[in-house]
PDB file of all heavy atoms in Angstrom:
ATOM      1  N   PRO A   1       0.835  -1.204  -0.074  1.00  0.00           N
ATOM      2  CA  PRO A   1       0.028  -0.002   0.005  1.00  0.00           C
ATOM      3  C   PRO A   1       0.795   1.302   0.011  1.00  0.00           C
ATOM      4  O   PRO A   1       0.345   2.308  -0.422  1.00  0.00           O
ATOM      5  CB  PRO A   1      -0.850  -0.087   1.310  1.00  0.00           C
ATOM      6  CG  PRO A   1      -0.973  -1.598   1.504  1.00  0.00           C
ATOM      7  CD  PRO A   1       0.332  -2.212   0.999  1.00  0.00           C
ATOM      8  N   ASP A   2       2.067   1.207   0.515  1.00  0.00           N
ATOM      9  CA  ASP A   2       2.915   2.390   0.438  1.00  0.00           C
ATOM     10  C   ASP A   2       3.340   2.757  -1.019  1.00  0.00           C
ATOM     11  O   ASP A   2       3.687   3.841  -1.249  1.00  0.00           O
ATOM     12  CB  ASP A   2       4.188   2.213   1.280  1.00  0.00           C
ATOM     13  CG  ASP A   2       3.875   2.229   2.802  1.00  0.00           C
ATOM     14  OD1 ASP A   2       2.804   2.670   3.175  1.00  0.00           O
ATOM     15  OD2 ASP A   2       4.709   1.812   3.564  1.00  0.00           O
ATOM     16  N   ASP A   3       3.314   1.716  -1.856  1.00  0.00           N
ATOM     17  CA  ASP A   3       3.697   1.947  -3.313  1.00  0.00           C
ATOM     18  C   ASP A   3       2.527   2.085  -4.156  1.00  0.00           C
ATOM     19  O   ASP A   3       2.527   2.944  -5.132  1.00  0.00           O
ATOM     20  CB  ASP A   3       4.560   0.791  -3.779  1.00  0.00           C
ATOM     21  CG  ASP A   3       5.890   0.738  -3.078  1.00  0.00           C
ATOM     22  OD1 ASP A   3       6.396   1.801  -2.674  1.00  0.00           O
ATOM     23  OD2 ASP A   3       6.442  -0.380  -2.940  1.00  0.00           O
ATOM     24  N   VAL A   4       1.536   1.273  -4.002  1.00  0.00           N
ATOM     25  CA  VAL A   4       0.302   1.322  -4.877  1.00  0.00           C
ATOM     26  C   VAL A   4      -0.947   1.121  -3.979  1.00  0.00           C
ATOM     27  O   VAL A   4      -0.902   0.186  -3.118  1.00  0.00           O
ATOM     28  CB  VAL A   4       0.305   0.196  -5.904  1.00  0.00           C
ATOM     29  CG1 VAL A   4      -0.861   0.313  -6.809  1.00  0.00           C
ATOM     30  CG2 VAL A   4       1.495   0.308  -6.831  1.00  0.00           C
ATOM     31  N   SER A   5      -1.946   1.949  -4.186  1.00  0.00           N
ATOM     32  CA  SER A   5      -3.117   1.855  -3.332  1.00  0.00           C
ATOM     33  C   SER A   5      -3.845   0.547  -3.518  1.00  0.00           C
ATOM     34  O   SER A   5      -3.702  -0.048  -4.613  1.00  0.00           O
ATOM     35  CB  SER A   5      -4.129   3.044  -3.642  1.00  0.00           C
ATOM     36  OG  SER A   5      -4.712   2.768  -4.890  1.00  0.00           O
ATOM     37  N   VAL A   6      -4.455   0.059  -2.480  1.00  0.00           N
ATOM     38  CA  VAL A   6      -5.098  -1.192  -2.553  1.00  0.00           C
ATOM     39  C   VAL A   6      -6.209  -1.250  -3.613  1.00  0.00           C
ATOM     40  O   VAL A   6      -6.340  -2.311  -4.313  1.00  0.00           O
ATOM     41  CB  VAL A   6      -5.656  -1.573  -1.131  1.00  0.00           C
ATOM     42  CG1 VAL A   6      -6.495  -2.869  -1.254  1.00  0.00           C
ATOM     43  CG2 VAL A   6      -4.578  -1.670  -0.067  1.00  0.00           C
ATOM     44  N   THR A   7      -6.919  -0.181  -3.815  1.00  0.00           N
ATOM     45  CA  THR A   7      -7.926  -0.130  -4.783  1.00  0.00           C
ATOM     46  C   THR A   7      -7.416  -0.221  -6.260  1.00  0.00           C
ATOM     47  O   THR A   7      -8.034  -0.902  -7.055  1.00  0.00           O
ATOM     48  CB  THR A   7      -8.855   1.113  -4.617  1.00  0.00           C
ATOM     49  OG1 THR A   7      -8.004   2.257  -4.482  1.00  0.00           O
ATOM     50  CG2 THR A   7      -9.720   0.992  -3.317  1.00  0.00           C
ATOM     51  N   ILE A   8      -6.354   0.441  -6.471  1.00  0.00           N
ATOM     52  CA  ILE A   8      -5.732   0.331  -7.798  1.00  0.00           C
ATOM     53  C   ILE A   8      -5.231  -1.080  -8.027  1.00  0.00           C
ATOM     54  O   ILE A   8      -5.393  -1.642  -9.064  1.00  0.00           O
ATOM     55  CB  ILE A   8      -4.634   1.434  -8.004  1.00  0.00           C
ATOM     56  CG1 ILE A   8      -5.192   2.913  -8.041  1.00  0.00           C
ATOM     57  CG2 ILE A   8      -3.778   1.118  -9.225  1.00  0.00           C
ATOM     58  CD1 ILE A   8      -4.225   3.881  -8.154  1.00  0.00           C
ATOM     59  N   ARG A   9      -4.489  -1.521  -7.019  1.00  0.00           N
ATOM     60  CA  ARG A   9      -3.947  -2.905  -7.176  1.00  0.00           C
ATOM     61  C   ARG A   9      -5.093  -3.926  -7.425  1.00  0.00           C
ATOM     62  O   ARG A   9      -4.820  -4.852  -8.273  1.00  0.00           O
ATOM     63  CB  ARG A   9      -3.260  -3.192  -5.803  1.00  0.00           C
ATOM     64  CG  ARG A   9      -3.081  -4.800  -5.497  1.00  0.00           C
ATOM     65  CD  ARG A   9      -2.181  -5.457  -6.553  1.00  0.00           C
ATOM     66  NE  ARG A   9      -2.207  -6.912  -6.316  1.00  0.00           N
ATOM     67  CZ  ARG A   9      -3.006  -7.763  -6.931  1.00  0.00           C
ATOM     68  NH1 ARG A   9      -3.945  -7.353  -7.695  1.00  0.00           N
ATOM     69  NH2 ARG A   9      -2.860  -9.097  -6.711  1.00  0.00           N
ATOM     70  N   SER A  10      -6.163  -3.827  -6.869  1.00  0.00           N
ATOM     71  CA  SER A  10      -7.278  -4.784  -6.989  1.00  0.00           C
ATOM     72  C   SER A  10      -7.863  -4.880  -8.406  1.00  0.00           C
ATOM     73  O   SER A  10      -8.538  -5.737  -8.742  1.00  0.00           O
ATOM     74  CB  SER A  10      -8.374  -4.513  -5.991  1.00  0.00           C
ATOM     75  OG  SER A  10      -9.057  -3.368  -6.238  1.00  0.00           O
ATOM     76  N   ARG A  11      -7.595  -3.786  -9.156  1.00  0.00           N
ATOM     77  CA  ARG A  11      -8.222  -3.694 -10.552  1.00  0.00           C
ATOM     78  C   ARG A  11      -7.106  -3.914 -11.591  1.00  0.00           C
ATOM     79  O   ARG A  11      -7.334  -3.657 -12.770  1.00  0.00           O
ATOM     80  CB  ARG A  11      -8.801  -2.400 -10.661  1.00  0.00           C
ATOM     81  CG  ARG A  11     -10.208  -2.245  -9.884  1.00  0.00           C
ATOM     82  CD  ARG A  11     -10.546  -0.814  -9.628  1.00  0.00           C
ATOM     83  NE  ARG A  11     -11.793  -0.815  -8.992  1.00  0.00           N
ATOM     84  CZ  ARG A  11     -11.979  -0.994  -7.663  1.00  0.00           C
ATOM     85  NH1 ARG A  11     -11.006  -1.319  -6.944  1.00  0.00           N
ATOM     86  NH2 ARG A  11     -13.288  -0.964  -7.183  1.00  0.00           N
ATOM     87  N   CYS A  12      -5.936  -4.349 -11.225  1.00  0.00           N
ATOM     88  CA  CYS A  12      -4.799  -4.567 -12.093  1.00  0.00           C
ATOM     89  C   CYS A  12      -4.286  -6.022 -12.100  1.00  0.00           C
ATOM     90  O   CYS A  12      -4.411  -6.616 -11.031  1.00  0.00           O
ATOM     91  CB  CYS A  12      -3.678  -3.602 -11.838  1.00  0.00           C
ATOM     92  SG  CYS A  12      -4.042  -1.912 -11.908  1.00  0.00           S
ATOM     93  N   ARG A  13      -3.683  -6.464 -13.080  1.00  0.00           N
ATOM     94  CA  ARG A  13      -3.050  -7.740 -13.175  1.00  0.00           C
ATOM     95  C   ARG A  13      -1.515  -7.453 -12.857  1.00  0.00           C
ATOM     96  O   ARG A  13      -0.905  -6.575 -13.432  1.00  0.00           O
ATOM     97  CB  ARG A  13      -3.172  -8.456 -14.469  1.00  0.00           C
ATOM     98  CG  ARG A  13      -2.464  -9.788 -14.606  1.00  0.00           C
ATOM     99  CD  ARG A  13      -2.774 -10.549 -15.809  1.00  0.00           C
ATOM    100  NE  ARG A  13      -4.164 -10.818 -15.842  1.00  0.00           N
ATOM    101  CZ  ARG A  13      -4.797 -11.238 -16.993  1.00  0.00           C
ATOM    102  NH1 ARG A  13      -4.152 -11.329 -18.109  1.00  0.00           N
ATOM    103  NH2 ARG A  13      -6.099 -11.471 -16.969  1.00  0.00           N
ATOM    104  N   VAL A  14      -0.948  -8.214 -11.977  1.00  0.00           N
ATOM    105  CA  VAL A  14       0.426  -7.937 -11.514  1.00  0.00           C
ATOM    106  C   VAL A  14       1.422  -8.833 -12.233  1.00  0.00           C
ATOM    107  O   VAL A  14       1.117 -10.049 -12.375  1.00  0.00           O
ATOM    108  CB  VAL A  14       0.560  -8.184 -10.000  1.00  0.00           C
ATOM    109  CG1 VAL A  14       1.974  -7.938  -9.516  1.00  0.00           C
ATOM    110  CG2 VAL A  14      -0.352  -7.262  -9.272  1.00  0.00           C
ATOM    111  N   VAL A  15       2.467  -8.222 -12.687  1.00  0.00           N
ATOM    112  CA  VAL A  15       3.607  -8.961 -13.376  1.00  0.00           C
ATOM    113  C   VAL A  15       4.761  -8.838 -12.502  1.00  0.00           C
ATOM    114  O   VAL A  15       5.461  -7.773 -12.573  1.00  0.00           O
ATOM    115  CB  VAL A  15       3.858  -8.512 -14.863  1.00  0.00           C
ATOM    116  CG1 VAL A  15       4.961  -9.260 -15.446  1.00  0.00           C
ATOM    117  CG2 VAL A  15       2.538  -8.625 -15.608  1.00  0.00           C
ATOM    118  N   PRO A  16       5.140  -9.832 -11.621  1.00  0.00           N
ATOM    119  CA  PRO A  16       6.241  -9.684 -10.771  1.00  0.00           C
ATOM    120  C   PRO A  16       7.580 -10.029 -11.519  1.00  0.00           C
ATOM    121  O   PRO A  16       7.655 -10.989 -12.275  1.00  0.00           O
ATOM    122  CB  PRO A  16       6.015 -10.758  -9.642  1.00  0.00           C
ATOM    123  CG  PRO A  16       5.137 -11.676 -10.380  1.00  0.00           C
ATOM    124  CD  PRO A  16       4.340 -11.055 -11.426  1.00  0.00           C
ATOM    125  N   LEU A  17       8.553  -9.143 -11.358  1.00  0.00           N
ATOM    126  CA  LEU A  17       9.842  -9.365 -11.978  1.00  0.00           C
ATOM    127  C   LEU A  17      10.833  -9.559 -10.874  1.00  0.00           C
ATOM    128  O   LEU A  17      10.769  -9.076  -9.738  1.00  0.00           O
ATOM    129  CB  LEU A  17      10.263  -8.085 -12.780  1.00  0.00           C
ATOM    130  CG  LEU A  17       9.285  -7.645 -13.855  1.00  0.00           C
ATOM    131  CD1 LEU A  17       9.829  -6.391 -14.541  1.00  0.00           C
ATOM    132  CD2 LEU A  17       9.112  -8.784 -14.942  1.00  0.00           C
ATOM    133  N   ARG A  18      11.881 -10.417 -11.193  1.00  0.00           N
ATOM    134  CA  ARG A  18      12.952 -10.666 -10.219  1.00  0.00           C
ATOM    135  C   ARG A  18      14.226  -9.975 -10.580  1.00  0.00           C
ATOM    136  O   ARG A  18      14.368  -9.519 -11.696  1.00  0.00           O
ATOM    137  CB  ARG A  18      13.131 -12.195 -10.123  1.00  0.00           C
ATOM    138  CG  ARG A  18      13.675 -12.829 -11.395  1.00  0.00           C
ATOM    139  CD  ARG A  18      13.678 -14.375 -11.347  1.00  0.00           C
ATOM    140  NE  ARG A  18      14.229 -14.927 -12.540  1.00  0.00           N
ATOM    141  CZ  ARG A  18      15.539 -15.365 -12.580  1.00  0.00           C
ATOM    142  NH1 ARG A  18      16.264 -15.186 -11.608  1.00  0.00           N
ATOM    143  NH2 ARG A  18      15.900 -15.955 -13.768  1.00  0.00           N
ATOM    144  N   GLN A  19      15.089  -9.851  -9.601  1.00  0.00           N
ATOM    145  CA  GLN A  19      16.428  -9.359  -9.971  1.00  0.00           C
ATOM    146  C   GLN A  19      17.140 -10.318 -10.789  1.00  0.00           C
ATOM    147  O   GLN A  19      17.342 -11.452 -10.486  1.00  0.00           O
ATOM    148  CB  GLN A  19      17.243  -9.136  -8.665  1.00  0.00           C
ATOM    149  CG  GLN A  19      18.544  -8.441  -8.873  1.00  0.00           C
ATOM    150  CD  GLN A  19      18.861  -7.503  -7.806  1.00  0.00           C
ATOM    151  OE1 GLN A  19      18.037  -7.219  -6.892  1.00  0.00           O
ATOM    152  NE2 GLN A  19      20.156  -7.088  -7.707  1.00  0.00           N
ATOM    153  N   PRO A  20      17.585  -9.833 -12.051  1.00  0.00           N
ATOM    154  CA  PRO A  20      18.273 -10.778 -12.934  1.00  0.00           C
ATOM    155  C   PRO A  20      19.625 -11.253 -12.504  1.00  0.00           C
ATOM    156  O   PRO A  20      20.318 -10.485 -11.747  1.00  0.00           O
ATOM    157  CB  PRO A  20      18.344  -9.991 -14.254  1.00  0.00           C
ATOM    158  CG  PRO A  20      18.331  -8.542 -13.743  1.00  0.00           C
ATOM    159  CD  PRO A  20      17.473  -8.474 -12.588  1.00  0.00           C
ATOM    160  N   PRO A  21      20.012 -12.421 -12.661  1.00  0.00           N
ATOM    161  CA  PRO A  21      21.358 -12.914 -12.326  1.00  0.00           C
ATOM    162  C   PRO A  21      22.454 -12.098 -13.076  1.00  0.00           C
ATOM    163  O   PRO A  21      22.239 -11.672 -14.111  1.00  0.00           O
ATOM    164  CB  PRO A  21      21.322 -14.431 -12.711  1.00  0.00           C
ATOM    165  CG  PRO A  21      20.291 -14.519 -13.698  1.00  0.00           C
ATOM    166  CD  PRO A  21      19.260 -13.529 -13.421  1.00  0.00           C
ATOM    167  N   ALA A  22      23.599 -11.978 -12.373  1.00  0.00           N
ATOM    168  CA  ALA A  22      24.669 -11.317 -12.963  1.00  0.00           C
ATOM    169  C   ALA A  22      25.127 -11.891 -14.279  1.00  0.00           C
ATOM    170  O   ALA A  22      25.508 -11.108 -15.252  1.00  0.00           O
ATOM    171  CB  ALA A  22      25.856 -11.248 -11.972  1.00  0.00           C
ATOM    172  N   THR A  23      25.059 -13.179 -14.458  1.00  0.00           N
ATOM    173  CA  THR A  23      25.453 -13.756 -15.705  1.00  0.00           C
ATOM    174  C   THR A  23      24.544 -13.253 -16.887  1.00  0.00           C
ATOM    175  O   THR A  23      25.104 -13.035 -17.995  1.00  0.00           O
ATOM    176  CB  THR A  23      25.425 -15.301 -15.621  1.00  0.00           C
ATOM    177  OG1 THR A  23      24.082 -15.680 -15.155  1.00  0.00           O
ATOM    178  CG2 THR A  23      26.490 -15.798 -14.641  1.00  0.00           C
ATOM    179  N   ALA A  24      23.249 -13.169 -16.553  1.00  0.00           N
ATOM    180  CA  ALA A  24      22.304 -12.681 -17.726  1.00  0.00           C
ATOM    181  C   ALA A  24      22.541 -11.211 -17.976  1.00  0.00           C
ATOM    182  O   ALA A  24      22.492 -10.824 -19.100  1.00  0.00           O
ATOM    183  CB  ALA A  24      20.839 -12.921 -17.192  1.00  0.00           C
ATOM    184  N   VAL A  25      22.912 -10.421 -16.992  1.00  0.00           N
ATOM    185  CA  VAL A  25      23.170  -9.060 -17.197  1.00  0.00           C
ATOM    186  C   VAL A  25      24.455  -8.883 -18.047  1.00  0.00           C
ATOM    187  O   VAL A  25      24.523  -8.097 -18.983  1.00  0.00           O
ATOM    188  CB  VAL A  25      23.303  -8.278 -15.846  1.00  0.00           C
ATOM    189  CG1 VAL A  25      23.756  -6.802 -16.138  1.00  0.00           C
ATOM    190  CG2 VAL A  25      21.965  -8.293 -15.126  1.00  0.00           C
ATOM    191  N   ALA A  26      25.469  -9.695 -17.682  1.00  0.00           N
ATOM    192  CA  ALA A  26      26.768  -9.632 -18.387  1.00  0.00           C
ATOM    193  C   ALA A  26      26.476  -9.977 -19.875  1.00  0.00           C
ATOM    194  O   ALA A  26      27.152  -9.367 -20.781  1.00  0.00           O
ATOM    195  CB  ALA A  26      27.807 -10.572 -17.735  1.00  0.00           C
ATOM    196  N   GLU A  27      25.717 -11.027 -20.102  1.00  0.00           N
ATOM    197  CA  GLU A  27      25.434 -11.445 -21.515  1.00  0.00           C
ATOM    198  C   GLU A  27      24.812 -10.380 -22.326  1.00  0.00           C
ATOM    199  O   GLU A  27      25.232 -10.148 -23.446  1.00  0.00           O
ATOM    200  CB  GLU A  27      24.501 -12.708 -21.373  1.00  0.00           C
ATOM    201  CG  GLU A  27      24.326 -13.314 -22.770  1.00  0.00           C
ATOM    202  CD  GLU A  27      23.185 -12.694 -23.614  1.00  0.00           C
ATOM    203  OE1 GLU A  27      22.267 -12.159 -23.032  1.00  0.00           O
ATOM    204  OE2 GLU A  27      23.302 -12.761 -24.885  1.00  0.00           O
ATOM    205  N   VAL A  28      23.847  -9.613 -21.756  1.00  0.00           N
ATOM    206  CA  VAL A  28      23.231  -8.535 -22.490  1.00  0.00           C
ATOM    207  C   VAL A  28      24.175  -7.378 -22.786  1.00  0.00           C
ATOM    208  O   VAL A  28      24.137  -6.689 -23.790  1.00  0.00           O
ATOM    209  CB  VAL A  28      21.923  -8.120 -21.864  1.00  0.00           C
ATOM    210  CG1 VAL A  28      22.134  -7.129 -20.722  1.00  0.00           C
ATOM    211  CG2 VAL A  28      20.995  -7.460 -22.906  1.00  0.00           C
ATOM    212  N   LEU A  29      25.100  -7.125 -21.869  1.00  0.00           N
ATOM    213  CA  LEU A  29      26.059  -6.035 -22.085  1.00  0.00           C
ATOM    214  C   LEU A  29      27.031  -6.460 -23.205  1.00  0.00           C
ATOM    215  O   LEU A  29      27.408  -5.574 -24.024  1.00  0.00           O
ATOM    216  CB  LEU A  29      26.906  -5.906 -20.736  1.00  0.00           C
ATOM    217  CG  LEU A  29      26.130  -5.251 -19.599  1.00  0.00           C
ATOM    218  CD1 LEU A  29      27.086  -5.079 -18.355  1.00  0.00           C
ATOM    219  CD2 LEU A  29      25.559  -3.877 -20.058  1.00  0.00           C
ATOM    220  N   VAL A  30      27.387  -7.724 -23.246  1.00  0.00           N
ATOM    221  CA  VAL A  30      28.316  -8.119 -24.341  1.00  0.00           C
ATOM    222  C   VAL A  30      27.552  -8.120 -25.688  1.00  0.00           C
ATOM    223  O   VAL A  30      28.025  -7.564 -26.688  1.00  0.00           O
ATOM    224  CB  VAL A  30      28.844  -9.568 -24.135  1.00  0.00           C
ATOM    225  CG1 VAL A  30      29.616 -10.108 -25.224  1.00  0.00           C
ATOM    226  CG2 VAL A  30      29.699  -9.598 -22.783  1.00  0.00           C
ATOM    227  N   ARG A  31      26.339  -8.613 -25.647  1.00  0.00           N
ATOM    228  CA  ARG A  31      25.595  -8.707 -26.939  1.00  0.00           C
ATOM    229  C   ARG A  31      25.107  -7.420 -27.451  1.00  0.00           C
ATOM    230  O   ARG A  31      25.230  -7.112 -28.586  1.00  0.00           O
ATOM    231  CB  ARG A  31      24.344  -9.645 -26.688  1.00  0.00           C
ATOM    232  CG  ARG A  31      23.369  -9.691 -27.931  1.00  0.00           C
ATOM    233  CD  ARG A  31      22.220 -10.613 -27.603  1.00  0.00           C
ATOM    234  NE  ARG A  31      21.538 -10.398 -26.378  1.00  0.00           N
ATOM    235  CZ  ARG A  31      20.609  -9.431 -26.267  1.00  0.00           C
ATOM    236  NH1 ARG A  31      20.279  -8.639 -27.303  1.00  0.00           N
ATOM    237  NH2 ARG A  31      20.012  -9.240 -25.176  1.00  0.00           N
ATOM    238  N   ARG A  32      24.485  -6.541 -26.568  1.00  0.00           N
ATOM    239  CA  ARG A  32      23.905  -5.394 -27.007  1.00  0.00           C
ATOM    240  C   ARG A  32      24.862  -4.159 -27.117  1.00  0.00           C
ATOM    241  O   ARG A  32      24.819  -3.380 -27.962  1.00  0.00           O
ATOM    242  CB  ARG A  32      22.704  -5.044 -26.004  1.00  0.00           C
ATOM    243  CG  ARG A  32      21.946  -3.763 -26.424  1.00  0.00           C
ATOM    244  CD  ARG A  32      20.985  -3.346 -25.318  1.00  0.00           C
ATOM    245  NE  ARG A  32      21.683  -3.019 -24.075  1.00  0.00           N
ATOM    246  CZ  ARG A  32      21.111  -2.849 -22.901  1.00  0.00           C
ATOM    247  NH1 ARG A  32      19.845  -2.910 -22.746  1.00  0.00           N
ATOM    248  NH2 ARG A  32      21.823  -2.426 -21.858  1.00  0.00           N
ATOM    249  N   ASP A  33      25.785  -4.153 -26.163  1.00  0.00           N
ATOM    250  CA  ASP A  33      26.668  -2.967 -26.047  1.00  0.00           C
ATOM    251  C   ASP A  33      28.089  -3.197 -26.564  1.00  0.00           C
ATOM    252  O   ASP A  33      28.855  -2.242 -26.478  1.00  0.00           O
ATOM    253  CB  ASP A  33      26.650  -2.414 -24.625  1.00  0.00           C
ATOM    254  CG  ASP A  33      25.227  -2.040 -24.184  1.00  0.00           C
ATOM    255  OD1 ASP A  33      24.542  -1.300 -24.904  1.00  0.00           O
ATOM    256  OD2 ASP A  33      24.796  -2.466 -23.049  1.00  0.00           O
ATOM    257  N   GLY A  34      28.449  -4.390 -26.841  1.00  0.00           N
ATOM    258  CA  GLY A  34      29.749  -4.676 -27.316  1.00  0.00           C
ATOM    259  C   GLY A  34      30.819  -4.593 -26.249  1.00  0.00           C
ATOM    260  O   GLY A  34      32.038  -4.286 -26.574  1.00  0.00           O
ATOM    261  N   ILE A  35      30.483  -4.814 -25.031  1.00  0.00           N
ATOM    262  CA  ILE A  35      31.463  -4.634 -23.864  1.00  0.00           C
ATOM    263  C   ILE A  35      32.218  -6.003 -23.716  1.00  0.00           C
ATOM    264  O   ILE A  35      31.720  -7.059 -23.953  1.00  0.00           O
ATOM    265  CB  ILE A  35      30.732  -4.310 -22.603  1.00  0.00           C
ATOM    266  CG1 ILE A  35      30.067  -2.887 -22.685  1.00  0.00           C
ATOM    267  CG2 ILE A  35      31.661  -4.311 -21.437  1.00  0.00           C
ATOM    268  CD1 ILE A  35      29.121  -2.523 -21.647  1.00  0.00           C
ATOM    269  N   ALA A  36      33.477  -5.834 -23.430  1.00  0.00           N
ATOM    270  CA  ALA A  36      34.326  -6.989 -23.211  1.00  0.00           C
ATOM    271  C   ALA A  36      33.765  -7.907 -22.184  1.00  0.00           C
ATOM    272  O   ALA A  36      33.283  -7.434 -21.125  1.00  0.00           O
ATOM    273  CB  ALA A  36      35.753  -6.594 -22.866  1.00  0.00           C
ATOM    274  N   PRO A  37      33.830  -9.228 -22.345  1.00  0.00           N
ATOM    275  CA  PRO A  37      33.154 -10.111 -21.383  1.00  0.00           C
ATOM    276  C   PRO A  37      33.735 -10.007 -20.022  1.00  0.00           C
ATOM    277  O   PRO A  37      32.934 -10.048 -19.112  1.00  0.00           O
ATOM    278  CB  PRO A  37      33.621 -11.586 -21.988  1.00  0.00           C
ATOM    279  CG  PRO A  37      33.713 -11.362 -23.413  1.00  0.00           C
ATOM    280  CD  PRO A  37      34.324  -9.919 -23.544  1.00  0.00           C
ATOM    281  N   ASP A  38      35.058  -9.819 -19.828  1.00  0.00           N
ATOM    282  CA  ASP A  38      35.509  -9.704 -18.384  1.00  0.00           C
ATOM    283  C   ASP A  38      34.961  -8.447 -17.767  1.00  0.00           C
ATOM    284  O   ASP A  38      34.644  -8.471 -16.557  1.00  0.00           O
ATOM    285  CB  ASP A  38      37.094  -9.712 -18.418  1.00  0.00           C
ATOM    286  CG  ASP A  38      37.712  -8.666 -19.285  1.00  0.00           C
ATOM    287  OD1 ASP A  38      37.001  -8.214 -20.269  1.00  0.00           O
ATOM    288  OD2 ASP A  38      38.856  -8.337 -19.033  1.00  0.00           O
ATOM    289  N   VAL A  39      34.968  -7.338 -18.505  1.00  0.00           N
ATOM    290  CA  VAL A  39      34.463  -6.081 -17.974  1.00  0.00           C
ATOM    291  C   VAL A  39      32.903  -6.218 -17.746  1.00  0.00           C
ATOM    292  O   VAL A  39      32.461  -5.773 -16.677  1.00  0.00           O
ATOM    293  CB  VAL A  39      34.702  -4.866 -18.929  1.00  0.00           C
ATOM    294  CG1 VAL A  39      34.047  -3.620 -18.441  1.00  0.00           C
ATOM    295  CG2 VAL A  39      36.199  -4.733 -19.181  1.00  0.00           C
ATOM    296  N   ALA A  40      32.247  -6.858 -18.618  1.00  0.00           N
ATOM    297  CA  ALA A  40      30.776  -7.061 -18.371  1.00  0.00           C
ATOM    298  C   ALA A  40      30.490  -7.858 -17.157  1.00  0.00           C
ATOM    299  O   ALA A  40      29.607  -7.629 -16.352  1.00  0.00           O
ATOM    300  CB  ALA A  40      30.170  -7.732 -19.579  1.00  0.00           C
ATOM    301  N   GLN A  41      31.312  -8.930 -16.896  1.00  0.00           N
ATOM    302  CA  GLN A  41      31.114  -9.763 -15.725  1.00  0.00           C
ATOM    303  C   GLN A  41      31.312  -8.905 -14.399  1.00  0.00           C
ATOM    304  O   GLN A  41      30.550  -9.015 -13.392  1.00  0.00           O
ATOM    305  CB  GLN A  41      32.079 -10.972 -15.747  1.00  0.00           C
ATOM    306  CG  GLN A  41      31.665 -12.009 -16.772  1.00  0.00           C
ATOM    307  CD  GLN A  41      30.418 -12.849 -16.319  1.00  0.00           C
ATOM    308  OE1 GLN A  41      29.875 -12.710 -15.222  1.00  0.00           O
ATOM    309  NE2 GLN A  41      30.009 -13.685 -17.240  1.00  0.00           N
ATOM    310  N   TRP A  42      32.421  -8.098 -14.408  1.00  0.00           N
ATOM    311  CA  TRP A  42      32.674  -7.258 -13.256  1.00  0.00           C
ATOM    312  C   TRP A  42      31.616  -6.319 -13.011  1.00  0.00           C
ATOM    313  O   TRP A  42      31.118  -6.123 -11.916  1.00  0.00           O
ATOM    314  CB  TRP A  42      34.101  -6.672 -13.471  1.00  0.00           C
ATOM    315  CG  TRP A  42      34.278  -5.520 -12.489  1.00  0.00           C
ATOM    316  CD1 TRP A  42      34.660  -5.684 -11.136  1.00  0.00           C
ATOM    317  CD2 TRP A  42      34.008  -4.124 -12.525  1.00  0.00           C
ATOM    318  NE1 TRP A  42      34.703  -4.541 -10.450  1.00  0.00           N
ATOM    319  CE2 TRP A  42      34.264  -3.507 -11.315  1.00  0.00           C
ATOM    320  CE3 TRP A  42      33.487  -3.321 -13.620  1.00  0.00           C
ATOM    321  CZ2 TRP A  42      34.056  -2.173 -11.122  1.00  0.00           C
ATOM    322  CZ3 TRP A  42      33.331  -1.949 -13.403  1.00  0.00           C
ATOM    323  CH2 TRP A  42      33.661  -1.435 -12.245  1.00  0.00           C
ATOM    324  N   ALA A  43      31.166  -5.618 -14.058  1.00  0.00           N
ATOM    325  CA  ALA A  43      30.150  -4.536 -13.872  1.00  0.00           C
ATOM    326  C   ALA A  43      28.802  -5.160 -13.476  1.00  0.00           C
ATOM    327  O   ALA A  43      28.128  -4.547 -12.618  1.00  0.00           O
ATOM    328  CB  ALA A  43      29.992  -3.820 -15.223  1.00  0.00           C
ATOM    329  N   ALA A  44      28.446  -6.305 -14.003  1.00  0.00           N
ATOM    330  CA  ALA A  44      27.181  -6.846 -13.678  1.00  0.00           C
ATOM    331  C   ALA A  44      27.165  -7.288 -12.113  1.00  0.00           C
ATOM    332  O   ALA A  44      26.165  -7.187 -11.401  1.00  0.00           O
ATOM    333  CB  ALA A  44      26.976  -8.146 -14.483  1.00  0.00           C
ATOM    334  N   ALA A  45      28.343  -7.831 -11.669  1.00  0.00           N
ATOM    335  CA  ALA A  45      28.397  -8.188 -10.295  1.00  0.00           C
ATOM    336  C   ALA A  45      28.400  -6.926  -9.277  1.00  0.00           C
ATOM    337  O   ALA A  45      27.725  -6.814  -8.342  1.00  0.00           O
ATOM    338  CB  ALA A  45      29.673  -9.014 -10.010  1.00  0.00           C
TER     339      ALA A  45
END
């Protein structure tokens, strides 16, 4: 309720997202941004 009122919540469908693992973040940095794998691993962690 501190984030979203109960009445608004009751009329919406909720899509919960989780914190992505560092390996997945590193992979997208390499694929999308062309960052070196070792730098991507460090930055993701």
